[in-house]
Amino acid sequence: TILAVVSGLTLAGASAISHDLYASVIMHGHATEGKEVTVSKISSIGLGVIAVLLGLLFEKQNVAFIVALTFSVAASANFPVLVLSMFWGGLTTRGAVIGGTIGLLMSVIMVVLSKAVWVQSFGFQSAIFPFAYPALFSVPAAFFGSWLFSILDNSPRAAEERASFEAQAIRSETGLGAEGAASH
């Protein structure tokens, strides 16, 4: 079971890096399949090395506690963006990216500065961040950042995104307009 989970996470991470980041963002859709496969292989090795290093660093940690911290980080980066994208027509791409980044950075920094990492892993006397879980602070900050940077976004793209919300909401809730196959 552990090997299946690890291999699945490695494949998902390598796929996201090679296809989403490299091919779509860095190469703007002009990457060859061979180059994507090469980037995927390098990503798999890189992710494995990072996982081993983190495993050594957090060797003495309670695994259940680390999983809870991971969920805290994921909730801070993803939950506000998902909720706002489903229920608020004013969310823009700029607001979602900045809000998610705020949640991610705050949660990671607070986890590192908490007792779990700062004291138990790094060996310092006392934690800089006094709480065990950062989500109480980072999730509201991500919501606020997403909202603030969305309402401040006056670009033409933001206007298009706001105008298309209702049609997308109806389609996602009812399936109307999603009958045909999509071409990629």
N, C-alpha and C. Protein backbone atom coordinates (compact mmCIF):
# COMPACT_ATOMS: atom_id res chain seq x y z
N THR A 1 0.82 -1.19 0.00
CA THR A 1 0.00 0.00 0.00
C THR A 1 0.86 1.25 0.00
N ILE A 2 1.90 1.24 0.82
CA ILE A 2 2.78 2.41 0.89
C ILE A 2 3.46 2.66 -0.45
N LEU A 3 3.92 1.58 -1.10
CA LEU A 3 4.57 1.74 -2.40
C LEU A 3 3.60 2.27 -3.45
N ALA A 4 2.35 1.83 -3.41
CA ALA A 4 1.35 2.32 -4.35
C ALA A 4 1.08 3.80 -4.15
N VAL A 5 0.98 4.21 -2.90
CA VAL A 5 0.74 5.62 -2.61
C VAL A 5 1.93 6.47 -3.04
N VAL A 6 3.13 6.02 -2.70
CA VAL A 6 4.34 6.78 -3.05
C VAL A 6 4.50 6.87 -4.56
N SER A 7 4.29 5.76 -5.26
CA SER A 7 4.43 5.80 -6.72
C SER A 7 3.35 6.66 -7.36
N GLY A 8 2.14 6.60 -6.83
CA GLY A 8 1.06 7.46 -7.34
C GLY A 8 1.34 8.93 -7.14
N LEU A 9 1.84 9.28 -5.96
CA LEU A 9 2.18 10.68 -5.69
C LEU A 9 3.34 11.14 -6.55
N THR A 10 4.32 10.27 -6.75
CA THR A 10 5.46 10.62 -7.60
C THR A 10 5.01 10.85 -9.03
N LEU A 11 4.18 9.95 -9.56
CA LEU A 11 3.67 10.12 -10.92
C LEU A 11 2.82 11.37 -11.06
N ALA A 12 1.97 11.63 -10.07
CA ALA A 12 1.13 12.83 -10.13
C ALA A 12 1.98 14.10 -10.09
N GLY A 13 2.98 14.11 -9.22
CA GLY A 13 3.86 15.28 -9.13
C GLY A 13 4.68 15.48 -10.39
N ALA A 14 5.25 14.40 -10.91
CA ALA A 14 6.05 14.51 -12.13
C ALA A 14 5.18 14.92 -13.32
N SER A 15 3.97 14.40 -13.37
CA SER A 15 3.05 14.77 -14.44
C SER A 15 2.68 16.26 -14.36
N ALA A 16 2.40 16.73 -13.15
CA ALA A 16 2.06 18.14 -12.98
C ALA A 16 3.23 19.04 -13.37
N ILE A 17 4.43 18.64 -12.99
CA ILE A 17 5.61 19.45 -13.32
C ILE A 17 5.85 19.45 -14.83
N SER A 18 5.83 18.26 -15.45
CA SER A 18 6.18 18.18 -16.88
C SER A 18 5.09 18.74 -17.78
N HIS A 19 3.84 18.41 -17.50
CA HIS A 19 2.77 18.85 -18.39
C HIS A 19 2.25 20.24 -18.05
N ASP A 20 1.92 20.45 -16.77
CA ASP A 20 1.30 21.72 -16.39
C ASP A 20 2.31 22.86 -16.32
N LEU A 21 3.40 22.64 -15.62
CA LEU A 21 4.38 23.73 -15.47
C LEU A 21 5.26 23.89 -16.70
N TYR A 22 5.93 22.81 -17.08
CA TYR A 22 6.88 22.93 -18.18
C TYR A 22 6.19 23.19 -19.52
N ALA A 23 5.30 22.27 -19.92
CA ALA A 23 4.70 22.36 -21.26
C ALA A 23 3.75 23.55 -21.39
N SER A 24 2.91 23.75 -20.39
CA SER A 24 1.89 24.80 -20.51
C SER A 24 2.38 26.18 -20.11
N VAL A 25 3.12 26.28 -19.02
CA VAL A 25 3.52 27.60 -18.52
C VAL A 25 4.85 28.04 -19.11
N ILE A 26 5.86 27.20 -19.00
CA ILE A 26 7.20 27.62 -19.45
C ILE A 26 7.30 27.64 -20.97
N MET A 27 6.80 26.57 -21.63
CA MET A 27 6.92 26.48 -23.09
C MET A 27 5.67 27.00 -23.82
N HIS A 28 4.67 27.44 -23.10
CA HIS A 28 3.44 28.03 -23.67
C HIS A 28 2.78 27.09 -24.69
N GLY A 29 2.77 25.79 -24.40
CA GLY A 29 2.11 24.81 -25.25
C GLY A 29 2.92 24.33 -26.44
N HIS A 30 4.19 24.69 -26.53
CA HIS A 30 5.01 24.32 -27.68
C HIS A 30 6.10 23.31 -27.32
N ALA A 31 5.88 22.47 -26.34
CA ALA A 31 6.86 21.45 -25.96
C ALA A 31 6.57 20.16 -26.70
N THR A 32 7.61 19.43 -27.03
CA THR A 32 7.43 18.12 -27.68
C THR A 32 7.15 17.07 -26.61
N GLU A 33 6.53 15.96 -27.05
CA GLU A 33 6.23 14.88 -26.10
C GLU A 33 7.51 14.30 -25.51
N GLY A 34 8.53 14.17 -26.34
CA GLY A 34 9.81 13.63 -25.85
C GLY A 34 10.41 14.49 -24.76
N LYS A 35 10.35 15.80 -24.95
CA LYS A 35 10.90 16.71 -23.94
C LYS A 35 10.06 16.65 -22.65
N GLU A 36 8.74 16.51 -22.79
CA GLU A 36 7.88 16.37 -21.61
C GLU A 36 8.23 15.10 -20.83
N VAL A 37 8.49 14.01 -21.54
CA VAL A 37 8.86 12.76 -20.89
C VAL A 37 10.19 12.91 -20.16
N THR A 38 11.14 13.59 -20.78
CA THR A 38 12.44 13.83 -20.15
C THR A 38 12.27 14.67 -18.87
N VAL A 39 11.47 15.73 -18.97
CA VAL A 39 11.22 16.57 -17.79
C VAL A 39 10.50 15.76 -16.71
N SER A 40 9.60 14.87 -17.10
CA SER A 40 8.90 14.03 -16.15
C SER A 40 9.86 13.09 -15.42
N LYS A 41 10.81 12.51 -16.14
CA LYS A 41 11.79 11.62 -15.52
C LYS A 41 12.68 12.38 -14.54
N ILE A 42 13.14 13.54 -14.95
CA ILE A 42 13.98 14.37 -14.07
C ILE A 42 13.18 14.80 -12.84
N SER A 43 11.91 15.14 -13.04
CA SER A 43 11.04 15.53 -11.93
C SER A 43 10.85 14.39 -10.94
N SER A 44 10.69 13.17 -11.46
CA SER A 44 10.53 12.01 -10.58
C SER A 44 11.76 11.83 -9.68
N ILE A 45 12.93 11.97 -10.28
CA ILE A 45 14.16 11.85 -9.49
C ILE A 45 14.25 12.98 -8.47
N GLY A 46 13.94 14.19 -8.90
CA GLY A 46 13.99 15.34 -8.00
C GLY A 46 13.01 15.21 -6.84
N LEU A 47 11.79 14.78 -7.16
CA LEU A 47 10.80 14.59 -6.10
C LEU A 47 11.23 13.49 -5.13
N GLY A 48 11.84 12.44 -5.65
CA GLY A 48 12.34 11.36 -4.78
C GLY A 48 13.43 11.85 -3.85
N VAL A 49 14.37 12.64 -4.38
CA VAL A 49 15.45 13.18 -3.55
C VAL A 49 14.88 14.11 -2.47
N ILE A 50 13.94 14.97 -2.85
CA ILE A 50 13.31 15.87 -1.87
C ILE A 50 12.59 15.06 -0.79
N ALA A 51 11.87 14.01 -1.19
CA ALA A 51 11.15 13.18 -0.23
C ALA A 51 12.10 12.49 0.75
N VAL A 52 13.22 11.98 0.24
CA VAL A 52 14.20 11.33 1.12
C VAL A 52 14.79 12.34 2.10
N LEU A 53 15.15 13.51 1.61
CA LEU A 53 15.71 14.54 2.49
C LEU A 53 14.71 14.97 3.57
N LEU A 54 13.47 15.17 3.16
CA LEU A 54 12.44 15.53 4.15
C LEU A 54 12.21 14.39 5.14
N GLY A 55 12.26 13.15 4.65
CA GLY A 55 12.12 11.99 5.55
C GLY A 55 13.22 11.94 6.59
N LEU A 56 14.44 12.25 6.17
CA LEU A 56 15.55 12.28 7.12
C LEU A 56 15.42 13.44 8.11
N LEU A 57 14.99 14.58 7.60
CA LEU A 57 14.85 15.76 8.46
C LEU A 57 13.77 15.56 9.53
N PHE A 58 12.66 14.93 9.14
CA PHE A 58 11.54 14.75 10.05
C PHE A 58 11.42 13.32 10.56
N GLU A 59 12.55 12.65 10.70
CA GLU A 59 12.59 11.25 11.09
C GLU A 59 11.92 10.99 12.44
N LYS A 60 12.05 11.87 13.36
CA LYS A 60 11.54 11.64 14.71
C LYS A 60 10.13 12.20 14.92
N GLN A 61 9.51 12.70 13.88
CA GLN A 61 8.18 13.30 14.00
C GLN A 61 7.09 12.23 14.00
N ASN A 62 5.98 12.56 14.63
CA ASN A 62 4.78 11.74 14.60
C ASN A 62 4.16 11.90 13.22
N VAL A 63 4.01 10.81 12.48
CA VAL A 63 3.52 10.88 11.10
C VAL A 63 2.10 11.43 11.04
N ALA A 64 1.25 11.05 11.98
CA ALA A 64 -0.13 11.56 11.98
C ALA A 64 -0.14 13.08 12.13
N PHE A 65 0.75 13.61 12.93
CA PHE A 65 0.83 15.05 13.12
C PHE A 65 1.27 15.74 11.83
N ILE A 66 2.23 15.14 11.13
CA ILE A 66 2.70 15.72 9.87
C ILE A 66 1.60 15.69 8.83
N VAL A 67 0.80 14.64 8.80
CA VAL A 67 -0.32 14.57 7.86
C VAL A 67 -1.31 15.69 8.16
N ALA A 68 -1.59 15.93 9.44
CA ALA A 68 -2.49 17.02 9.82
C ALA A 68 -1.93 18.37 9.38
N LEU A 69 -0.64 18.56 9.52
CA LEU A 69 -0.02 19.81 9.07
C LEU A 69 -0.12 19.95 7.55
N THR A 70 0.04 18.85 6.84
CA THR A 70 -0.09 18.87 5.39
C THR A 70 -1.49 19.28 4.97
N PHE A 71 -2.50 18.75 5.64
CA PHE A 71 -3.87 19.15 5.34
C PHE A 71 -4.09 20.62 5.65
N SER A 72 -3.45 21.10 6.68
CA SER A 72 -3.55 22.52 7.03
C SER A 72 -2.99 23.40 5.91
N VAL A 73 -1.86 23.00 5.37
CA VAL A 73 -1.25 23.74 4.27
C VAL A 73 -2.14 23.66 3.03
N ALA A 74 -2.63 22.47 2.71
CA ALA A 74 -3.49 22.30 1.53
C ALA A 74 -4.78 23.10 1.67
N ALA A 75 -5.37 23.08 2.86
CA ALA A 75 -6.60 23.84 3.08
C ALA A 75 -6.37 25.34 2.92
N SER A 76 -5.23 25.81 3.35
CA SER A 76 -4.93 27.23 3.26
C SER A 76 -4.73 27.68 1.82
N ALA A 77 -4.17 26.84 1.00
CA ALA A 77 -3.90 27.22 -0.39
C ALA A 77 -5.08 26.94 -1.31
N ASN A 78 -5.84 25.88 -1.06
CA ASN A 78 -6.87 25.44 -2.01
C ASN A 78 -8.30 25.81 -1.62
N PHE A 79 -8.67 25.62 -0.38
CA PHE A 79 -10.06 25.78 0.03
C PHE A 79 -10.63 27.17 -0.28
N PRO A 80 -9.96 28.26 0.09
CA PRO A 80 -10.55 29.57 -0.23
C PRO A 80 -10.77 29.80 -1.72
N VAL A 81 -9.83 29.37 -2.53
CA VAL A 81 -9.95 29.56 -3.98
C VAL A 81 -11.10 28.71 -4.53
N LEU A 82 -11.22 27.48 -4.06
CA LEU A 82 -12.30 26.61 -4.54
C LEU A 82 -13.67 27.16 -4.15
N VAL A 83 -13.83 27.57 -2.91
CA VAL A 83 -15.12 28.09 -2.45
C VAL A 83 -15.49 29.37 -3.20
N LEU A 84 -14.54 30.28 -3.30
CA LEU A 84 -14.84 31.53 -3.99
C LEU A 84 -15.11 31.31 -5.48
N SER A 85 -14.40 30.39 -6.10
CA SER A 85 -14.63 30.15 -7.53
C SER A 85 -16.01 29.54 -7.79
N MET A 86 -16.55 28.80 -6.82
CA MET A 86 -17.86 28.19 -7.01
C MET A 86 -19.01 29.14 -6.66
N PHE A 87 -18.79 30.03 -5.68
CA PHE A 87 -19.92 30.78 -5.15
C PHE A 87 -19.83 32.30 -5.29
N TRP A 88 -18.72 32.83 -5.76
CA TRP A 88 -18.60 34.28 -5.89
C TRP A 88 -18.19 34.64 -7.31
N GLY A 89 -19.03 35.39 -7.97
CA GLY A 89 -18.79 35.77 -9.35
C GLY A 89 -17.70 36.81 -9.52
N GLY A 90 -17.23 37.40 -8.45
CA GLY A 90 -16.22 38.44 -8.56
C GLY A 90 -14.79 37.94 -8.52
N LEU A 91 -14.60 36.64 -8.34
CA LEU A 91 -13.23 36.10 -8.27
C LEU A 91 -12.57 36.17 -9.63
N THR A 92 -11.35 36.67 -9.66
CA THR A 92 -10.57 36.72 -10.90
C THR A 92 -9.38 35.78 -10.77
N THR A 93 -8.76 35.51 -11.90
CA THR A 93 -7.57 34.65 -11.88
C THR A 93 -6.49 35.27 -11.02
N ARG A 94 -6.28 36.57 -11.16
CA ARG A 94 -5.26 37.26 -10.37
C ARG A 94 -5.57 37.13 -8.87
N GLY A 95 -6.81 37.33 -8.48
CA GLY A 95 -7.18 37.19 -7.08
C GLY A 95 -7.00 35.78 -6.56
N ALA A 96 -7.35 34.78 -7.40
CA ALA A 96 -7.21 33.39 -6.99
C ALA A 96 -5.74 33.01 -6.81
N VAL A 97 -4.90 33.43 -7.75
CA VAL A 97 -3.48 33.08 -7.67
C VAL A 97 -2.83 33.76 -6.47
N ILE A 98 -3.09 35.03 -6.28
CA ILE A 98 -2.46 35.75 -5.17
C ILE A 98 -3.02 35.25 -3.84
N GLY A 99 -4.33 35.04 -3.74
CA GLY A 99 -4.92 34.54 -2.50
C GLY A 99 -4.41 33.15 -2.14
N GLY A 100 -4.35 32.26 -3.13
CA GLY A 100 -3.81 30.92 -2.88
C GLY A 100 -2.35 30.95 -2.48
N THR A 101 -1.59 31.85 -3.09
CA THR A 101 -0.17 31.99 -2.74
C THR A 101 -0.01 32.51 -1.32
N ILE A 102 -0.85 33.47 -0.94
CA ILE A 102 -0.81 33.99 0.43
C ILE A 102 -1.09 32.86 1.42
N GLY A 103 -2.14 32.07 1.17
CA GLY A 103 -2.47 30.96 2.06
C GLY A 103 -1.35 29.94 2.14
N LEU A 104 -0.77 29.61 0.99
CA LEU A 104 0.33 28.64 0.95
C LEU A 104 1.54 29.14 1.73
N LEU A 105 1.98 30.35 1.42
CA LEU A 105 3.18 30.88 2.08
C LEU A 105 2.97 31.06 3.59
N MET A 106 1.83 31.62 3.97
CA MET A 106 1.57 31.80 5.41
C MET A 106 1.56 30.46 6.14
N SER A 107 0.88 29.47 5.57
CA SER A 107 0.78 28.19 6.27
C SER A 107 2.13 27.49 6.36
N VAL A 108 2.91 27.51 5.29
CA VAL A 108 4.22 26.86 5.33
C VAL A 108 5.13 27.56 6.32
N ILE A 109 5.16 28.88 6.28
CA ILE A 109 6.02 29.64 7.21
C ILE A 109 5.59 29.39 8.65
N MET A 110 4.27 29.40 8.91
CA MET A 110 3.79 29.16 10.28
C MET A 110 4.07 27.74 10.74
N VAL A 111 3.99 26.77 9.85
CA VAL A 111 4.32 25.38 10.23
C VAL A 111 5.80 25.29 10.59
N VAL A 112 6.66 25.89 9.79
CA VAL A 112 8.10 25.84 10.07
C VAL A 112 8.42 26.53 11.39
N LEU A 113 7.73 27.62 11.70
CA LEU A 113 7.99 28.37 12.93
C LEU A 113 7.25 27.81 14.15
N SER A 114 6.43 26.76 13.96
CA SER A 114 5.68 26.18 15.08
C SER A 114 6.55 25.20 15.86
N LYS A 115 6.02 24.73 16.97
CA LYS A 115 6.74 23.81 17.84
C LYS A 115 7.10 22.51 17.12
N ALA A 116 6.21 22.05 16.24
CA ALA A 116 6.44 20.78 15.56
C ALA A 116 7.73 20.77 14.75
N VAL A 117 8.06 21.87 14.11
CA VAL A 117 9.26 21.91 13.28
C VAL A 117 10.37 22.68 13.98
N TRP A 118 10.07 23.87 14.45
CA TRP A 118 11.09 24.76 15.01
C TRP A 118 11.77 24.16 16.24
N VAL A 119 10.98 23.54 17.10
CA VAL A 119 11.53 23.00 18.35
C VAL A 119 11.90 21.52 18.18
N GLN A 120 10.95 20.70 17.73
CA GLN A 120 11.16 19.25 17.71
C GLN A 120 12.08 18.78 16.58
N SER A 121 12.10 19.49 15.45
CA SER A 121 12.97 19.07 14.36
C SER A 121 14.28 19.84 14.32
N PHE A 122 14.19 21.15 14.48
CA PHE A 122 15.39 21.98 14.39
C PHE A 122 16.12 22.12 15.72
N GLY A 123 15.44 21.84 16.84
CA GLY A 123 16.08 21.83 18.14
C GLY A 123 16.18 23.17 18.85
N PHE A 124 15.44 24.17 18.39
CA PHE A 124 15.46 25.46 19.09
C PHE A 124 14.68 25.35 20.40
N GLN A 125 14.91 26.29 21.30
CA GLN A 125 14.29 26.24 22.63
C GLN A 125 12.79 26.46 22.61
N SER A 126 12.33 27.47 21.89
CA SER A 126 10.89 27.75 21.87
C SER A 126 10.46 28.12 20.45
N ALA A 127 9.19 27.90 20.21
CA ALA A 127 8.64 28.17 18.89
C ALA A 127 8.34 29.65 18.71
N ILE A 128 8.53 30.15 17.50
CA ILE A 128 8.21 31.54 17.19
C ILE A 128 6.70 31.70 17.00
N PHE A 129 6.08 30.72 16.31
CA PHE A 129 4.62 30.71 16.13
C PHE A 129 4.04 29.79 17.19
N PRO A 130 3.20 30.30 18.08
CA PRO A 130 2.79 29.53 19.26
C PRO A 130 1.70 28.48 19.05
N PHE A 131 1.11 28.40 17.86
CA PHE A 131 0.00 27.48 17.64
C PHE A 131 0.47 26.27 16.84
N ALA A 132 -0.22 25.14 17.02
CA ALA A 132 0.17 23.91 16.33
C ALA A 132 -0.28 23.90 14.88
N TYR A 133 -1.44 24.47 14.61
CA TYR A 133 -1.98 24.44 13.25
C TYR A 133 -2.19 25.87 12.74
N PRO A 134 -1.69 26.18 11.56
CA PRO A 134 -1.76 27.54 11.04
C PRO A 134 -3.07 27.90 10.35
N ALA A 135 -3.92 26.92 10.07
CA ALA A 135 -5.10 27.17 9.24
C ALA A 135 -6.02 28.24 9.83
N LEU A 136 -6.04 28.36 11.14
CA LEU A 136 -6.88 29.37 11.79
C LEU A 136 -6.53 30.78 11.29
N PHE A 137 -5.30 30.99 10.90
CA PHE A 137 -4.84 32.30 10.43
C PHE A 137 -4.66 32.36 8.92
N SER A 138 -4.14 31.28 8.34
CA SER A 138 -3.81 31.31 6.92
C SER A 138 -5.02 31.18 6.00
N VAL A 139 -6.05 30.45 6.40
CA VAL A 139 -7.24 30.33 5.57
C VAL A 139 -7.97 31.68 5.45
N PRO A 140 -8.24 32.37 6.56
CA PRO A 140 -8.86 33.69 6.40
C PRO A 140 -7.99 34.68 5.61
N ALA A 141 -6.68 34.58 5.76
CA ALA A 141 -5.80 35.46 4.99
C ALA A 141 -5.90 35.16 3.49
N ALA A 142 -6.03 33.89 3.14
CA ALA A 142 -6.18 33.52 1.73
C ALA A 142 -7.53 34.00 1.18
N PHE A 143 -8.59 33.86 1.98
CA PHE A 143 -9.89 34.40 1.57
C PHE A 143 -9.79 35.91 1.34
N PHE A 144 -9.21 36.60 2.30
CA PHE A 144 -9.10 38.05 2.21
C PHE A 144 -8.24 38.46 1.01
N GLY A 145 -7.11 37.79 0.81
CA GLY A 145 -6.25 38.11 -0.33
C GLY A 145 -6.94 37.87 -1.66
N SER A 146 -7.66 36.76 -1.76
CA SER A 146 -8.39 36.47 -2.99
C SER A 146 -9.45 37.54 -3.26
N TRP A 147 -10.19 37.90 -2.23
CA TRP A 147 -11.21 38.93 -2.37
C TRP A 147 -10.59 40.28 -2.73
N LEU A 148 -9.58 40.69 -1.97
CA LEU A 148 -8.99 42.01 -2.17
C LEU A 148 -8.39 42.16 -3.58
N PHE A 149 -7.58 41.19 -3.99
CA PHE A 149 -6.92 41.32 -5.29
C PHE A 149 -7.88 41.08 -6.45
N SER A 150 -9.03 40.45 -6.17
CA SER A 150 -10.05 40.33 -7.21
C SER A 150 -10.79 41.65 -7.41
N ILE A 151 -11.13 42.32 -6.32
CA ILE A 151 -11.86 43.58 -6.49
C ILE A 151 -10.94 44.70 -6.98
N LEU A 152 -9.64 44.56 -6.76
CA LEU A 152 -8.69 45.55 -7.27
C LEU A 152 -8.30 45.31 -8.72
N ASP A 153 -8.65 44.15 -9.25
CA ASP A 153 -8.28 43.78 -10.62
C ASP A 153 -9.28 44.42 -11.60
N ASN A 154 -8.82 45.40 -12.34
CA ASN A 154 -9.67 46.09 -13.32
C ASN A 154 -9.23 45.80 -14.76
N SER A 155 -8.54 44.71 -14.97
CA SER A 155 -8.06 44.36 -16.30
C SER A 155 -9.22 43.88 -17.19
N PRO A 156 -9.03 43.93 -18.50
CA PRO A 156 -10.07 43.41 -19.40
C PRO A 156 -10.35 41.92 -19.17
N ARG A 157 -9.31 41.16 -18.86
CA ARG A 157 -9.50 39.73 -18.59
C ARG A 157 -10.39 39.52 -17.36
N ALA A 158 -10.21 40.34 -16.33
CA ALA A 158 -11.03 40.22 -15.13
C ALA A 158 -12.49 40.51 -15.45
N ALA A 159 -12.75 41.48 -16.31
CA ALA A 159 -14.12 41.79 -16.71
C ALA A 159 -14.75 40.60 -17.45
N GLU A 160 -13.98 39.96 -18.32
CA GLU A 160 -14.47 38.77 -19.03
C GLU A 160 -14.78 37.64 -18.06
N GLU A 161 -13.90 37.45 -17.07
CA GLU A 161 -14.10 36.38 -16.09
C GLU A 161 -15.35 36.62 -15.26
N ARG A 162 -15.56 37.86 -14.85
CA ARG A 162 -16.75 38.18 -14.07
C ARG A 162 -18.02 37.98 -14.90
N ALA A 163 -17.97 38.38 -16.18
CA ALA A 163 -19.13 38.26 -17.06
C ALA A 163 -19.48 36.81 -17.36
N SER A 164 -18.52 35.92 -17.37
CA SER A 164 -18.78 34.52 -17.71
C SER A 164 -19.15 33.67 -16.50
N PHE A 165 -19.17 34.25 -15.30
CA PHE A 165 -19.43 33.44 -14.10
C PHE A 165 -20.79 32.77 -14.12
N GLU A 166 -21.84 33.53 -14.45
CA GLU A 166 -23.19 32.98 -14.37
C GLU A 166 -23.38 31.78 -15.30
N ALA A 167 -22.90 31.91 -16.53
CA ALA A 167 -23.03 30.80 -17.48
C ALA A 167 -22.24 29.58 -17.00
N GLN A 168 -21.05 29.81 -16.45
CA GLN A 168 -20.26 28.70 -15.94
C GLN A 168 -20.91 28.06 -14.73
N ALA A 169 -21.50 28.87 -13.87
CA ALA A 169 -22.16 28.34 -12.68
C ALA A 169 -23.36 27.47 -13.08
N ILE A 170 -24.15 27.93 -14.03
CA ILE A 170 -25.30 27.14 -14.49
C ILE A 170 -24.81 25.83 -15.10
N ARG A 171 -23.78 25.91 -15.92
CA ARG A 171 -23.24 24.70 -16.55
C ARG A 171 -22.71 23.71 -15.52
N SER A 172 -21.99 24.21 -14.51
CA SER A 172 -21.41 23.31 -13.51
C SER A 172 -22.46 22.71 -12.59
N GLU A 173 -23.55 23.45 -12.35
CA GLU A 173 -24.60 22.95 -11.44
C GLU A 173 -25.59 22.02 -12.15
N THR A 174 -25.85 22.29 -13.44
CA THR A 174 -26.89 21.52 -14.12
C THR A 174 -26.36 20.63 -15.23
N GLY A 175 -25.22 20.95 -15.80
CA GLY A 175 -24.68 20.20 -16.92
C GLY A 175 -25.16 20.71 -18.26
N LEU A 176 -26.03 21.72 -18.26
CA LEU A 176 -26.52 22.28 -19.51
C LEU A 176 -25.37 22.92 -20.28
N GLY A 177 -25.27 22.56 -21.55
CA GLY A 177 -24.21 23.10 -22.38
C GLY A 177 -22.95 22.25 -22.38
N ALA A 178 -22.98 21.14 -21.63
CA ALA A 178 -21.80 20.27 -21.56
C ALA A 178 -22.04 18.95 -22.29
N GLU A 179 -22.99 18.95 -23.24
CA GLU A 179 -23.37 17.71 -23.90
C GLU A 179 -22.28 17.18 -24.83
N GLY A 180 -21.62 18.05 -25.56
CA GLY A 180 -20.65 17.62 -26.55
C GLY A 180 -19.28 17.40 -25.97
N ALA A 181 -18.46 16.69 -26.74
CA ALA A 181 -17.08 16.46 -26.33
C ALA A 181 -16.27 17.73 -26.54
N ALA A 182 -15.30 17.93 -25.70
CA ALA A 182 -14.43 19.09 -25.81
C ALA A 182 -13.19 18.71 -26.60
N SER A 183 -12.74 19.61 -27.47
CA SER A 183 -11.50 19.36 -28.20
C SER A 183 -10.38 20.13 -27.52
N HIS A 184 -9.26 19.49 -27.33
CA HIS A 184 -8.15 20.13 -26.63
C HIS A 184 -7.08 20.49 -27.61
